[in-house]
C-alpha cells in the first residue's frame, strides 16, 4: 500500500483513541527533576543554565510588570523545544506539526497579552492602531490595516511553526526515500544523498530549537507593547 507523504503528520491512533496526549506528556520524563542537594548534577545544571540564559535574553527589553510572564513563557519554551526535537527521533510523533495545537497556543497567549494591555493601559494599546504623525486623510485606512495586522499575529505564529516543521520533515523523508531507492542501483550517489540526509537532520534539529525560541520571542515582543 502506498502511503502519502503527509501520513507522518497524522495523530497516532490505537483502538480509535488518539495518542497525541501521550506524545505531549511523555517527553517531559526526560527532564531531570530538582534535587535538595547543594550541588546539582550535570544535566540539571545544564538545564538551569539554558533556562536562565534564555529567560534573561527574552525579558531583557520588557518592563518589570511583564516579568510576571517569565514562568509561563519559560515553560512554553521548554515545551516547544521538547516537542520539536523529540519528533526527529524514529517512530515518534511531532505534536507541534499539527496546526490546531499551534493555533491553540498562539491564539490563547496572544489573546491574554491583548486583554492585559486593554486592562492596564488601554490608551497606549489602542495607540498602536494609528502610527504617530499619520495624515488625517489616511487615518481610517491605517486603523483598518493595523487592526487586520493585529488579528493576523496569532495566525502567523501558528502557521510559521507548523510550516517550518512540516517542510523539514517532508524534505528529510524525500531524501531518505531517495537514498534507500538508490542504495542498490547507484551506491555512490546514495552515499552523497546519505551525507545530505545527515546534514538535513542537523539543520532540522537547529530549526526545531530556533522556531521554539522565535515563537516565544515574538510573544514577548507582543507583551512588551502591552505592559
Protein backbone atom coordinates (compact mmCIF):
# COMPACT_ATOMS: atom_id res chain seq x y z
CA UNK A 1 0.00 0.00 0.00
CA UNK A 2 1.38 3.40 -0.99
CA UNK A 3 1.30 5.92 1.82
CA UNK A 4 1.08 9.67 1.41
CA UNK A 5 4.00 11.86 2.45
CA UNK A 6 1.67 13.63 4.87
CA UNK A 7 0.69 10.43 6.68
CA UNK A 8 3.60 11.00 9.06
CA UNK A 9 1.77 14.05 10.43
CA UNK A 10 -1.40 12.13 11.31
CA UNK A 11 -2.03 11.72 15.02
CA UNK A 12 -1.33 8.07 16.02
CA UNK A 13 -4.48 6.19 17.00
CA UNK A 14 -4.78 2.89 18.89
CA UNK A 15 -8.26 1.38 19.25
CA UNK A 16 -9.77 4.63 17.99
CA UNK A 17 -8.03 6.54 20.81
CA UNK A 18 -5.67 9.38 19.68
CA UNK A 19 -2.29 9.17 21.36
CA UNK A 20 -1.37 12.84 20.91
CA UNK A 21 -1.76 13.44 24.66
CA UNK A 22 0.82 10.74 25.42
CA UNK A 23 3.12 12.22 22.76
CA UNK A 24 2.89 15.58 24.52
CA UNK A 25 3.35 14.35 28.11
CA UNK A 26 5.90 11.55 27.63
CA UNK A 27 8.97 13.67 26.64
CA UNK A 28 8.74 15.60 29.91
CA UNK A 29 10.08 12.49 31.65
CA UNK A 30 13.44 13.17 30.00
CA UNK A 31 13.94 16.33 32.02
CA UNK A 32 15.66 15.90 35.40
CA UNK A 33 13.66 16.88 38.46
CA UNK A 34 15.10 19.38 41.01
CA UNK A 35 17.00 17.93 43.94
CA UNK A 36 17.57 19.09 47.52
CA UNK A 37 21.35 18.70 47.28
CA UNK A 38 23.72 21.63 47.44
CA UNK A 39 25.37 20.69 44.14
CA UNK A 40 23.31 19.63 41.13
CA UNK A 41 24.34 17.04 38.58
CA UNK A 42 25.49 17.97 35.08
CA UNK A 43 22.10 17.55 33.37
CA UNK A 44 20.26 19.66 35.94
CA UNK A 45 22.97 22.32 35.86
CA UNK A 46 22.80 22.47 32.05
CA UNK A 47 19.02 22.73 32.16
CA UNK A 48 19.10 25.58 34.70
CA UNK A 49 21.78 27.40 32.69
CA UNK A 50 19.77 27.13 29.48
CA UNK A 51 16.61 28.41 31.18
CA UNK A 52 18.36 31.33 32.86
CA UNK A 53 20.12 32.41 29.66
CA UNK A 54 17.00 32.15 27.51
CA UNK A 55 14.80 33.93 30.07
CA UNK A 56 17.28 36.77 30.55
CA UNK A 57 17.53 37.33 26.79
CA UNK A 58 13.78 37.25 26.24
CA UNK A 59 12.80 39.52 29.14
CA UNK A 60 15.70 41.99 28.85
CA UNK A 61 13.73 44.69 26.94
CA UNK A 62 10.43 44.12 28.77
CA UNK A 63 9.26 46.38 31.59
CA UNK A 64 9.22 44.92 35.14
CA UNK A 65 5.41 44.39 35.16
CA UNK A 66 5.83 41.98 32.26
CA UNK A 67 8.29 39.82 34.20
CA UNK A 68 5.32 38.06 35.77
CA UNK A 69 5.06 36.14 32.50
CA UNK A 70 8.59 34.71 32.90
CA UNK A 71 7.45 31.35 34.29
CA UNK A 72 4.76 30.91 31.63
CA UNK A 73 6.97 31.78 28.66
CA UNK A 74 9.92 29.78 30.00
CA UNK A 75 7.68 26.73 30.37
CA UNK A 76 6.37 27.32 26.84
CA UNK A 77 9.94 27.48 25.52
CA UNK A 78 10.80 24.14 27.15
CA UNK A 79 7.53 22.64 25.90
CA UNK A 80 8.07 23.68 22.28
CA UNK A 81 11.74 22.72 22.32
CA UNK A 82 10.90 19.26 23.64
CA UNK A 83 8.09 18.66 21.16
CA UNK A 84 10.09 19.89 18.16
CA UNK A 85 13.24 17.90 18.89
CA UNK A 86 11.50 14.72 20.09
CA UNK A 87 9.71 14.47 16.76
CA UNK A 88 13.05 13.99 14.99
CA UNK A 89 13.55 10.57 16.60
CA UNK A 90 12.45 7.46 14.65
CA UNK A 91 8.93 6.14 15.30
CA UNK A 92 7.88 9.31 17.09
CA UNK A 93 5.19 11.90 16.52
CA UNK A 94 5.60 15.70 16.50
CA UNK A 95 2.56 17.32 18.15
CA UNK A 96 3.71 20.80 17.11
CA UNK A 97 3.38 19.80 13.45
CA UNK A 98 -0.39 19.99 13.98
CA UNK A 99 -1.81 23.40 13.09
CA UNK A 100 -4.63 23.03 15.63
CA UNK A 101 -2.21 22.70 18.56
CA UNK A 102 -0.06 25.61 17.43
CA UNK A 103 -3.07 27.83 16.76
CA UNK A 104 -4.50 26.96 20.16
CA UNK A 105 -1.28 28.01 21.89
CA UNK A 106 -0.78 31.13 19.77
CA UNK A 107 -4.40 32.29 19.97
CA UNK A 108 -4.77 31.85 23.72
CA UNK A 109 -1.46 33.54 24.60
CA UNK A 110 -1.98 36.37 22.11
CA UNK A 111 -5.47 37.00 23.48
CA UNK A 112 -4.10 37.06 27.03
CA UNK A 113 -1.49 39.65 26.05
CA UNK A 114 -4.10 41.84 24.29
CA UNK A 115 -6.52 41.64 27.24
CA UNK A 116 -3.69 42.56 29.61
CA UNK A 117 -2.87 45.63 27.55
CA UNK A 118 -6.52 46.73 27.30
CA UNK A 119 -6.95 46.37 31.05
CA UNK A 120 -3.75 48.03 32.28
CA UNK A 121 -3.14 50.74 29.64
CA UNK A 122 -5.96 50.91 27.09
CA UNK A 123 -4.88 54.25 25.62
CA UNK A 124 -1.35 53.06 24.89
CA UNK A 125 -2.59 49.76 23.44
CA UNK A 126 -5.12 51.43 21.16
CA UNK A 127 -2.47 53.96 20.12
CA UNK A 128 -0.66 51.21 18.21
CA UNK A 129 -3.56 51.15 15.74
CA UNK A 130 -2.61 54.60 14.45
CA UNK A 131 1.07 55.46 13.79
CA UNK A 132 2.23 58.81 15.14
CA UNK A 133 2.30 61.63 12.60
CA UNK A 134 0.00 59.92 10.11
CA UNK A 135 -2.05 62.19 7.76
CA UNK A 136 -5.65 62.76 8.79
CA UNK A 137 -6.98 61.53 5.41
CA UNK A 138 -5.26 58.18 5.85
CA UNK A 139 -6.40 57.66 9.43
CA UNK A 140 -9.38 55.31 8.68
CA UNK A 141 -7.32 53.20 6.25
CA UNK A 142 -4.38 52.93 8.66
CA UNK A 143 -6.65 51.92 11.53
CA UNK A 144 -8.18 49.16 9.40
CA UNK A 145 -4.75 47.93 8.25
CA UNK A 146 -3.31 47.92 11.79
CA UNK A 147 -6.39 46.13 13.12
CA UNK A 148 -6.05 43.43 10.47
CA UNK A 149 -2.33 43.07 11.23
CA UNK A 150 -3.17 42.74 14.93
CA UNK A 151 -5.55 39.84 14.34
CA UNK A 152 -3.13 38.19 11.89
CA UNK A 153 -0.46 37.85 14.58
CA UNK A 154 -1.71 34.60 16.16
CA UNK A 155 -2.29 33.10 12.70
CA UNK A 156 1.27 33.98 11.71
CA UNK A 157 2.63 32.44 14.92
CA UNK A 158 0.84 29.14 14.45
CA UNK A 159 1.36 28.84 10.69
CA UNK A 160 5.08 29.73 10.93
CA UNK A 161 5.80 26.98 13.43
CA UNK A 162 3.72 24.40 11.56
CA UNK A 163 5.14 25.25 8.13
CA UNK A 164 8.78 25.12 9.21
CA UNK A 165 8.44 21.78 10.97
CA UNK A 166 6.33 20.25 8.19
CA UNK A 167 8.71 21.37 5.43
CA UNK A 168 11.75 20.00 7.25
CA UNK A 169 10.15 16.62 7.93
CA UNK A 170 8.98 16.30 4.32
CA UNK A 171 12.44 17.15 3.00
CA UNK A 172 14.05 14.55 5.28
CA UNK A 173 11.54 11.90 4.20
CA UNK A 174 12.06 12.65 0.50
CA UNK A 175 15.84 12.48 0.88
CA UNK A 176 15.74 9.25 2.90
CA UNK A 177 13.40 7.64 0.36
CA UNK A 178 15.75 8.59 -2.46
CA UNK A 179 18.75 7.24 -0.54
CA UNK A 180 17.10 3.86 0.03
CA UNK A 181 15.95 3.66 -3.60
CA UNK A 182 19.44 4.35 -4.98
CA UNK A 183 21.31 2.17 -2.48
CA UNK A 184 21.30 -0.87 -4.75
CA UNK A 185 21.14 0.91 -8.10
CA UNK A 186 23.67 3.75 -7.64
CA UNK A 187 25.56 3.20 -4.39
CA UNK A 188 27.98 6.09 -4.97
CA UNK A 189 25.11 8.54 -5.40
CA UNK A 190 23.38 7.00 -2.38
CA UNK A 191 26.44 7.83 -0.26
CA UNK A 192 26.19 11.51 -1.24
CA UNK A 193 22.46 11.61 -0.56
CA UNK A 194 23.11 9.90 2.79
CA UNK A 195 25.55 12.67 3.70
CA UNK A 196 22.95 15.20 2.59
CA UNK A 197 20.38 13.44 4.77
CA UNK A 198 22.68 13.70 7.79
CA UNK A 199 23.20 17.42 7.17
CA UNK A 200 19.46 17.92 6.77
CA UNK A 201 18.88 16.18 10.11
CA UNK A 202 21.32 18.58 11.78
CA UNK A 203 19.63 21.52 10.08
CA UNK A 204 16.20 20.33 11.18
CA UNK A 205 17.43 19.99 14.77
CA UNK A 206 18.64 23.59 14.64
CA UNK A 207 15.32 24.69 13.10
CA UNK A 208 13.41 22.93 15.89
CA UNK A 209 15.33 24.88 18.52
CA UNK A 210 15.21 28.19 16.65
CA UNK A 211 11.47 28.02 15.92
CA UNK A 212 10.68 27.41 19.59
CA UNK A 213 12.79 30.43 20.53
CA UNK A 214 11.25 32.60 17.78
CA UNK A 215 7.71 31.65 18.89
CA UNK A 216 8.39 32.73 22.47
CA UNK A 217 10.39 35.79 21.38
CA UNK A 218 7.53 37.12 19.24
CA UNK A 219 5.13 36.61 22.14
CA UNK A 220 7.49 38.59 24.36
CA UNK A 221 7.52 41.41 21.79
CA UNK A 222 3.73 41.47 21.80
CA UNK A 223 3.87 41.52 25.59
CA UNK A 224 6.30 44.44 25.51
CA UNK A 225 3.78 46.54 23.59
CA UNK A 226 1.08 45.97 26.21
CA UNK A 227 2.87 46.39 29.55
